[in-house]
Protein backbone atom coordinates (compact mmCIF):
# COMPACT_ATOMS: atom_id res chain seq x y z
CA MET A 1 4.34 -12.21 -3.58
CA GLU A 2 3.47 -13.40 -6.79
CA TYR A 3 1.23 -11.33 -8.36
CA THR A 4 -2.04 -13.54 -10.03
CA PRO A 5 -4.54 -11.70 -12.06
CA THR A 6 -8.08 -13.50 -12.44
CA ASN A 7 -9.26 -13.52 -15.30
CA GLU A 8 -12.00 -11.02 -15.29
CA VAL A 9 -9.28 -9.49 -14.48
CA ARG A 10 -7.36 -10.13 -17.50
CA GLY A 11 -10.37 -8.57 -19.51
CA CYS A 12 -9.58 -4.90 -17.76
CA THR A 13 -5.61 -5.24 -18.61
CA GLU A 14 -6.78 -6.21 -22.42
CA PHE A 15 -9.14 -2.74 -22.15
CA PHE A 16 -6.52 -0.98 -21.04
CA LEU A 17 -4.01 -1.85 -23.62
CA ARG A 18 -6.22 -1.15 -26.66
CA ASN A 19 -6.97 2.24 -25.17
CA PRO A 20 -3.77 3.24 -24.12
CA ASN A 21 -4.22 7.29 -24.91
CA ALA A 22 -7.62 6.93 -22.43
CA ILE A 23 -5.50 4.90 -20.02
CA SER A 24 -5.03 7.52 -16.85
CA LYS A 25 -8.99 8.83 -16.89
CA TRP A 26 -10.14 4.66 -17.15
CA LEU A 27 -7.65 4.19 -13.78
CA ASN A 28 -8.40 7.07 -11.54
CA THR A 29 -12.55 6.36 -12.22
CA ALA A 30 -11.70 3.06 -11.49
CA ASP A 31 -10.25 4.21 -8.34
CA LYS A 32 -13.11 6.68 -7.69
CA HIS A 33 -15.21 3.57 -7.83
CA MET A 34 -13.46 1.63 -5.61
CA GLN A 35 -13.37 4.39 -2.87
CA SER A 36 -16.70 5.00 -3.73
CA TYR A 37 -17.90 0.97 -3.10
CA VAL A 38 -15.33 1.01 0.39
CA ALA A 39 -17.62 3.55 1.60
CA ASN A 40 -20.58 2.21 1.04
CA PRO A 41 -21.19 -1.25 -0.58
CA GLU A 42 -24.99 -1.47 -0.38
CA LEU A 43 -25.50 1.51 -2.18
CA PHE A 44 -23.04 1.00 -4.59
CA LEU A 45 -23.55 1.87 -8.57
CA LEU A 46 -21.71 1.33 -11.05
CA ALA A 47 -21.96 3.88 -14.18
CA LYS A 48 -23.77 1.92 -17.24
CA GLN A 49 -20.71 2.99 -19.28
CA HIS A 50 -18.16 1.64 -16.85
CA GLU A 51 -19.18 -1.65 -16.36
CA VAL A 52 -16.10 -2.57 -18.14
CA LEU A 53 -14.18 -1.53 -14.82
CA ARG A 54 -16.68 -4.20 -12.66
CA PRO A 55 -13.24 -6.67 -11.91
CA LEU A 56 -10.70 -4.17 -11.48
CA VAL A 57 -13.73 -2.04 -9.09
CA MET A 58 -14.55 -6.11 -7.17
CA ALA A 59 -11.17 -7.06 -7.40
CA TYR A 60 -9.39 -4.39 -5.60
CA ALA A 61 -11.95 -1.95 -3.81
CA ASN A 62 -11.56 -3.56 -0.13
CA ASP A 63 -7.62 -4.92 -1.37
CA LEU A 64 -5.26 -1.72 -1.44
CA GLY A 65 -1.90 -3.45 -1.91
CA GLY A 66 -3.48 -5.61 -4.70
CA PHE A 67 -4.38 -2.63 -6.72
CA ALA A 68 -0.97 -1.36 -5.98
CA GLN A 69 0.79 -3.86 -7.63
CA TYR A 70 -1.79 -4.36 -10.60
CA LEU A 71 -1.16 -0.89 -11.76
CA LEU A 72 2.62 -1.98 -11.61
CA GLU A 73 2.39 -5.26 -13.74
CA LEU A 74 0.17 -2.83 -15.29
CA ARG A 75 2.39 -0.03 -16.00
CA GLY A 76 5.00 -2.77 -16.81
CA ASN A 77 3.55 -3.34 -20.46
CA PHE A 78 4.74 0.69 -21.38
CA ASP A 79 8.26 1.95 -22.25
CA ARG A 80 9.59 3.63 -19.16
CA ARG A 81 9.65 7.10 -21.40
CA SER A 82 5.78 6.95 -22.54
CA ALA A 83 3.45 9.12 -21.17
CA GLU A 84 0.99 5.66 -20.54
CA PHE A 85 3.84 4.78 -18.16
CA VAL A 86 4.18 8.33 -16.31
CA GLU A 87 0.62 8.39 -16.03
CA ILE A 88 0.56 4.68 -14.54
CA GLN A 89 3.23 5.89 -12.26
CA ALA A 90 1.59 9.42 -10.81
CA ILE A 91 -1.50 6.73 -10.08
CA TYR A 92 0.45 4.55 -8.48
CA ARG A 93 2.58 6.80 -6.15
CA ARG A 94 -1.67 7.89 -5.23
CA THR A 95 -2.19 4.36 -4.63
CA ASN A 96 0.55 3.80 -2.81
CA GLY A 97 0.81 6.04 -0.41
CA ARG A 98 -2.59 5.62 0.55
CA TYR A 99 -1.67 1.88 0.82
CA VAL A 100 1.64 2.73 3.00
CA GLN A 101 -0.65 4.72 5.50
CA GLN A 102 -3.77 2.18 5.72
CA VAL A 103 -0.63 -0.56 6.28
CA ARG A 104 0.71 2.53 9.60
CA ARG A 105 -3.05 2.65 10.91
CA GLU A 106 -3.46 -0.81 10.78
CA ARG A 107 0.42 -1.84 12.39
CA MET A 108 0.03 1.11 15.08
CA GLY A 109 -3.81 -0.34 15.84
CA ARG A 110 -2.05 -3.91 16.70
CA ALA A 111 0.85 -2.16 18.91
CA MET A 112 -1.45 -0.17 20.80
CA GLU A 113 -3.92 -3.17 21.45
CA LYS A 114 -1.42 -5.02 22.81
CA ALA A 115 0.64 -1.97 24.38
CA GLU A 116 -2.86 -1.55 26.04
CA ALA A 117 -2.82 -5.98 27.16
CA LEU A 118 0.34 -5.25 28.49
CA HIS A 119 0.24 -1.98 30.55
CA GLY A 120 -2.69 -1.24 31.03
CA PRO A 121 -5.24 1.22 30.18
CA VAL A 122 -3.62 4.77 29.58
CA PRO A 123 -5.27 8.20 29.31
CA TYR A 124 -5.65 9.60 25.80
CA PRO A 125 -2.79 12.03 26.08
CA THR A 126 -0.41 9.70 26.86
CA ARG A 127 -1.62 7.64 24.52
CA ILE A 128 -1.02 9.87 21.68
CA GLN A 129 2.17 10.53 22.61
CA TRP A 130 3.19 6.66 22.97
CA MET A 131 1.80 6.04 19.58
CA THR A 132 4.15 9.09 18.56
CA ASP A 133 7.62 8.28 20.07
CA VAL A 134 7.26 4.59 18.79
CA GLU A 135 6.43 5.44 15.07
CA HIS A 136 9.49 8.35 15.80
CA LYS A 137 11.70 5.23 17.33
CA TRP A 138 10.13 3.30 14.05
CA ALA A 139 11.20 5.52 11.20
CA LYS A 140 14.80 5.57 12.53
CA ARG A 141 14.83 2.49 13.20
CA ARG A 142 13.89 1.98 9.36
CA LEU A 143 15.95 3.93 7.72
CA GLU A 144 19.18 2.62 10.01
CA PHE A 145 18.25 -0.25 8.60
CA LEU A 146 18.48 0.71 5.60
CA THR A 147 21.04 2.36 5.97
CA THR A 148 22.89 -1.36 6.48
CA VAL A 149 21.31 -2.47 3.84
CA ARG A 150 23.10 -0.14 0.78
CA SER A 151 26.28 -0.33 2.75
CA ASN A 152 26.56 -3.98 2.84
CA SER A 153 25.19 -4.72 -1.57
CA GLY A 154 28.08 -2.42 -2.03
CA GLY A 155 26.30 0.40 -3.37
CA GLU A 156 25.06 3.74 -3.28
CA HIS A 157 21.50 3.37 -4.19
CA LEU A 158 19.01 0.90 -3.61
CA SER A 159 16.90 -0.19 -6.70
CA THR A 160 13.46 -0.31 -6.22
CA GLU A 161 13.00 -3.50 -5.95
CA ASP A 162 15.43 -3.62 -3.14
CA ARG A 163 14.34 -1.82 -1.51
CA THR A 164 11.02 -2.83 -1.47
CA GLU A 165 12.46 -6.02 0.12
CA ALA A 166 14.80 -4.63 2.76
CA LEU A 167 11.52 -2.68 3.97
CA LEU A 168 9.75 -6.11 3.96
CA GLU A 169 11.48 -7.17 6.05
CA PHE A 170 12.34 -4.20 8.07
CA TRP A 171 8.39 -4.75 9.01
CA ASP A 172 8.29 -8.06 8.97
CA VAL A 173 10.99 -7.79 12.12
CA ILE A 174 8.22 -5.01 14.00
CA ASP A 175 5.37 -6.89 13.05
CA THR A 176 7.04 -9.76 15.26
CA GLU A 177 8.35 -7.39 18.47
CA ILE A 178 4.36 -6.52 18.56
CA HIS A 179 3.05 -10.05 18.36
CA GLU A 180 5.39 -10.54 20.78
CA GLY A 181 4.54 -7.50 22.78
CA ASP A 182 8.77 -6.01 22.39
CA LEU A 183 7.26 -2.61 23.02
CA PRO A 184 8.05 0.47 25.76
CA PRO A 185 6.12 1.09 28.44
CA TRP A 186 3.48 3.70 28.26
CA ASN A 187 5.52 7.47 28.46
């Protein structure tokens, strides 16, 4: 997926690049404002001194994956050994972790909905056990998939980009299985 920021977001990027010593502070502030906006958009207020962050907040408040991608693009403007790179990487890891959990919950929600349509309603304890079992099976399959990709590439280690592509491919398979109803019955 190619990343294309809006002109307003590019303005934020330019601001960050002109103020690299405070980049961590500004990005953390933007992240907090995004979370505040998502929690209650009707009551969202942006302090005047943070107004420069408005385009970033509005663009990514409801697009955590987009914000993670933005952070990677911003990080690419700095040398890997620089303090700014390390600071942006820390914010990226935290943001990406939240994004992965968000996607995980959404995927399991779709799986539960499909399983209920296929197998009927189920008591809560059975539902929880089923979710746990399915997630464990997916995790095992994911590790096996990555091992196969790694051995097919001839290397012992996958680059971050190759691993990301492999995981996108793996989760696309899982999403297809959910859509097609290829899910185990209730326990």
